[in-house]
Amino acid sequence: MKSISYGHLGMTNSLSNKKFIDDTVVYSENPEELFYLGMEKMKNIDLIKHQMNIIKTKHTWINRVNGLERIL
């Protein structure tokens, strides 16, 4: 999430991490395939801005604290 917030393309080999952030995160269990998928999308500025906006609005410390308060 930190990398996405700084403007890097979101990529992961973990399906749960992809689902946690957003479906636009580049995902593959195979590291080689993940690399090539990321290279294809690394210049997609609209995708990167979208991911940055998801992090900015939904994955902040305030949202986490509020979520914990609801649980408790």
N, C-alpha and C. Protein backbone atom coordinates (compact mmCIF):
# COMPACT_ATOMS: atom_id res chain seq x y z
N MET A 1 0.82 -1.19 0.00
CA MET A 1 0.00 0.00 0.00
C MET A 1 0.86 1.26 0.00
N LYS A 2 1.96 1.20 0.69
CA LYS A 2 2.84 2.37 0.74
C LYS A 2 3.36 2.70 -0.66
N SER A 3 3.78 1.68 -1.40
CA SER A 3 4.29 1.91 -2.75
C SER A 3 3.22 2.50 -3.66
N ILE A 4 2.01 1.98 -3.56
CA ILE A 4 0.91 2.52 -4.36
C ILE A 4 0.67 3.98 -4.00
N SER A 5 0.70 4.30 -2.72
CA SER A 5 0.44 5.68 -2.30
C SER A 5 1.49 6.65 -2.84
N TYR A 6 2.68 6.14 -3.16
CA TYR A 6 3.74 6.97 -3.73
C TYR A 6 3.74 6.97 -5.26
N GLY A 7 2.75 6.30 -5.88
CA GLY A 7 2.62 6.35 -7.32
C GLY A 7 3.18 5.16 -8.08
N HIS A 8 3.44 4.07 -7.37
CA HIS A 8 3.92 2.86 -8.05
C HIS A 8 2.74 1.95 -8.35
N LEU A 9 2.87 1.16 -9.39
CA LEU A 9 1.83 0.22 -9.78
C LEU A 9 1.68 -0.86 -8.72
N GLY A 10 0.45 -1.12 -8.33
CA GLY A 10 0.19 -2.18 -7.35
C GLY A 10 0.29 -3.54 -7.99
N MET A 11 1.17 -4.38 -7.46
CA MET A 11 1.39 -5.74 -7.97
C MET A 11 1.54 -6.67 -6.78
N THR A 12 1.05 -7.90 -6.92
CA THR A 12 1.18 -8.86 -5.84
C THR A 12 1.10 -10.29 -6.36
N ASN A 13 1.64 -11.21 -5.57
CA ASN A 13 1.48 -12.63 -5.87
C ASN A 13 0.52 -13.27 -4.86
N SER A 14 -0.16 -12.43 -4.10
CA SER A 14 -1.11 -12.90 -3.08
C SER A 14 -2.53 -12.48 -3.48
N LEU A 15 -3.39 -13.45 -3.69
CA LEU A 15 -4.76 -13.16 -4.08
C LEU A 15 -5.49 -12.39 -2.99
N SER A 16 -5.22 -12.71 -1.73
CA SER A 16 -5.89 -11.99 -0.64
C SER A 16 -5.48 -10.52 -0.60
N ASN A 17 -4.22 -10.21 -0.91
CA ASN A 17 -3.79 -8.81 -0.97
C ASN A 17 -4.48 -8.08 -2.11
N LYS A 18 -4.62 -8.74 -3.23
CA LYS A 18 -5.32 -8.13 -4.37
C LYS A 18 -6.76 -7.80 -3.99
N LYS A 19 -7.46 -8.76 -3.38
CA LYS A 19 -8.84 -8.55 -2.99
C LYS A 19 -8.96 -7.47 -1.91
N PHE A 20 -7.97 -7.38 -1.03
CA PHE A 20 -7.99 -6.40 0.05
C PHE A 20 -7.91 -4.98 -0.49
N ILE A 21 -7.11 -4.78 -1.53
CA ILE A 21 -6.92 -3.44 -2.07
C ILE A 21 -7.96 -3.15 -3.15
N ASP A 22 -7.89 -3.86 -4.28
CA ASP A 22 -8.78 -3.55 -5.40
C ASP A 22 -8.50 -4.56 -6.51
N ASP A 23 -9.48 -4.81 -7.35
CA ASP A 23 -9.30 -5.77 -8.45
C ASP A 23 -8.33 -5.29 -9.52
N THR A 24 -7.97 -4.01 -9.51
CA THR A 24 -7.05 -3.50 -10.53
C THR A 24 -5.59 -3.80 -10.21
N VAL A 25 -5.32 -4.31 -9.03
CA VAL A 25 -3.95 -4.66 -8.67
C VAL A 25 -3.49 -5.82 -9.55
N VAL A 26 -2.31 -5.70 -10.12
CA VAL A 26 -1.77 -6.73 -11.00
C VAL A 26 -1.42 -7.95 -10.15
N TYR A 27 -1.92 -9.11 -10.57
CA TYR A 27 -1.76 -10.32 -9.78
C TYR A 27 -1.34 -11.51 -10.64
N SER A 28 -0.41 -12.27 -10.12
CA SER A 28 -0.08 -13.58 -10.66
C SER A 28 0.71 -14.34 -9.60
N GLU A 29 0.44 -15.63 -9.47
CA GLU A 29 1.22 -16.45 -8.54
C GLU A 29 2.62 -16.72 -9.08
N ASN A 30 2.77 -16.65 -10.39
CA ASN A 30 4.04 -16.90 -11.04
C ASN A 30 4.86 -15.60 -11.10
N PRO A 31 6.03 -15.54 -10.45
CA PRO A 31 6.82 -14.31 -10.42
C PRO A 31 7.22 -13.80 -11.80
N GLU A 32 7.54 -14.70 -12.71
CA GLU A 32 7.92 -14.27 -14.05
C GLU A 32 6.74 -13.62 -14.78
N GLU A 33 5.58 -14.24 -14.68
CA GLU A 33 4.38 -13.68 -15.30
C GLU A 33 4.01 -12.35 -14.65
N LEU A 34 4.14 -12.27 -13.33
CA LEU A 34 3.85 -11.03 -12.61
C LEU A 34 4.74 -9.90 -13.11
N PHE A 35 6.01 -10.19 -13.32
CA PHE A 35 6.94 -9.19 -13.84
C PHE A 35 6.48 -8.66 -15.19
N TYR A 36 6.16 -9.56 -16.10
CA TYR A 36 5.76 -9.14 -17.44
C TYR A 36 4.40 -8.42 -17.45
N LEU A 37 3.48 -8.86 -16.62
CA LEU A 37 2.20 -8.16 -16.52
C LEU A 37 2.41 -6.73 -15.99
N GLY A 38 3.29 -6.61 -15.01
CA GLY A 38 3.61 -5.29 -14.46
C GLY A 38 4.29 -4.40 -15.48
N MET A 39 5.19 -4.97 -16.26
CA MET A 39 5.87 -4.18 -17.30
C MET A 39 4.88 -3.66 -18.33
N GLU A 40 3.86 -4.45 -18.65
CA GLU A 40 2.85 -4.03 -19.61
C GLU A 40 2.03 -2.84 -19.10
N LYS A 41 1.82 -2.79 -17.79
CA LYS A 41 0.92 -1.79 -17.21
C LYS A 41 1.63 -0.66 -16.48
N MET A 42 2.95 -0.67 -16.43
CA MET A 42 3.67 0.31 -15.61
C MET A 42 3.54 1.75 -16.10
N LYS A 43 3.17 1.95 -17.35
CA LYS A 43 3.00 3.31 -17.88
C LYS A 43 1.53 3.73 -17.94
N ASN A 44 0.64 2.90 -17.41
CA ASN A 44 -0.79 3.19 -17.42
C ASN A 44 -1.10 4.17 -16.28
N ILE A 45 -0.99 5.45 -16.57
CA ILE A 45 -1.13 6.49 -15.56
C ILE A 45 -2.54 6.48 -14.95
N ASP A 46 -3.55 6.26 -15.76
CA ASP A 46 -4.92 6.23 -15.23
C ASP A 46 -5.10 5.11 -14.21
N LEU A 47 -4.54 3.95 -14.49
CA LEU A 47 -4.61 2.82 -13.56
C LEU A 47 -3.88 3.16 -12.26
N ILE A 48 -2.71 3.73 -12.37
CA ILE A 48 -1.93 4.07 -11.18
C ILE A 48 -2.65 5.14 -10.35
N LYS A 49 -3.24 6.13 -11.01
CA LYS A 49 -4.00 7.16 -10.28
C LYS A 49 -5.21 6.55 -9.58
N HIS A 50 -5.86 5.60 -10.26
CA HIS A 50 -7.01 4.92 -9.66
C HIS A 50 -6.58 4.18 -8.39
N GLN A 51 -5.49 3.44 -8.48
CA GLN A 51 -5.00 2.71 -7.31
C GLN A 51 -4.61 3.66 -6.18
N MET A 52 -3.98 4.77 -6.53
CA MET A 52 -3.60 5.76 -5.52
C MET A 52 -4.85 6.31 -4.82
N ASN A 53 -5.90 6.56 -5.59
CA ASN A 53 -7.14 7.08 -5.02
C ASN A 53 -7.79 6.06 -4.09
N ILE A 54 -7.75 4.77 -4.44
CA ILE A 54 -8.29 3.72 -3.58
C ILE A 54 -7.56 3.73 -2.24
N ILE A 55 -6.24 3.80 -2.28
CA ILE A 55 -5.46 3.82 -1.04
C ILE A 55 -5.78 5.08 -0.23
N LYS A 56 -5.87 6.21 -0.91
CA LYS A 56 -6.13 7.48 -0.23
C LYS A 56 -7.49 7.49 0.47
N THR A 57 -8.49 6.90 -0.16
CA THR A 57 -9.83 6.99 0.40
C THR A 57 -10.23 5.83 1.30
N LYS A 58 -9.71 4.63 1.03
CA LYS A 58 -10.20 3.46 1.76
C LYS A 58 -9.19 2.81 2.70
N HIS A 59 -7.92 3.11 2.56
CA HIS A 59 -6.91 2.40 3.35
C HIS A 59 -6.04 3.38 4.13
N THR A 60 -6.70 4.18 4.95
CA THR A 60 -5.97 5.13 5.79
C THR A 60 -5.94 4.61 7.22
N TRP A 61 -5.09 5.19 8.02
CA TRP A 61 -5.02 4.79 9.43
C TRP A 61 -6.33 5.12 10.13
N ILE A 62 -6.95 6.23 9.76
CA ILE A 62 -8.23 6.60 10.37
C ILE A 62 -9.28 5.54 10.08
N ASN A 63 -9.34 5.07 8.84
CA ASN A 63 -10.30 4.01 8.49
C ASN A 63 -10.02 2.74 9.28
N ARG A 64 -8.77 2.42 9.48
CA ARG A 64 -8.41 1.22 10.25
C ARG A 64 -8.85 1.35 11.71
N VAL A 65 -8.58 2.51 12.29
CA VAL A 65 -8.97 2.74 13.69
C VAL A 65 -10.49 2.68 13.83
N ASN A 66 -11.20 3.31 12.90
CA ASN A 66 -12.66 3.27 12.94
C ASN A 66 -13.16 1.84 12.81
N GLY A 67 -12.55 1.05 11.96
CA GLY A 67 -12.93 -0.36 11.82
C GLY A 67 -12.70 -1.14 13.10
N LEU A 68 -11.58 -0.89 13.75
CA LEU A 68 -11.30 -1.57 15.03
C LEU A 68 -12.30 -1.16 16.10
N GLU A 69 -12.65 0.12 16.12
CA GLU A 69 -13.65 0.59 17.10
C GLU A 69 -14.99 -0.10 16.89
N ARG A 70 -15.39 -0.31 15.64
CA ARG A 70 -16.65 -0.98 15.36
C ARG A 70 -16.62 -2.43 15.86
N ILE A 71 -15.46 -3.06 15.72
CA ILE A 71 -15.33 -4.45 16.17
C ILE A 71 -15.41 -4.54 17.69
N LEU A 72 -14.75 -3.61 18.35
CA LEU A 72 -14.71 -3.63 19.81
C LEU A 72 -16.03 -3.16 20.36
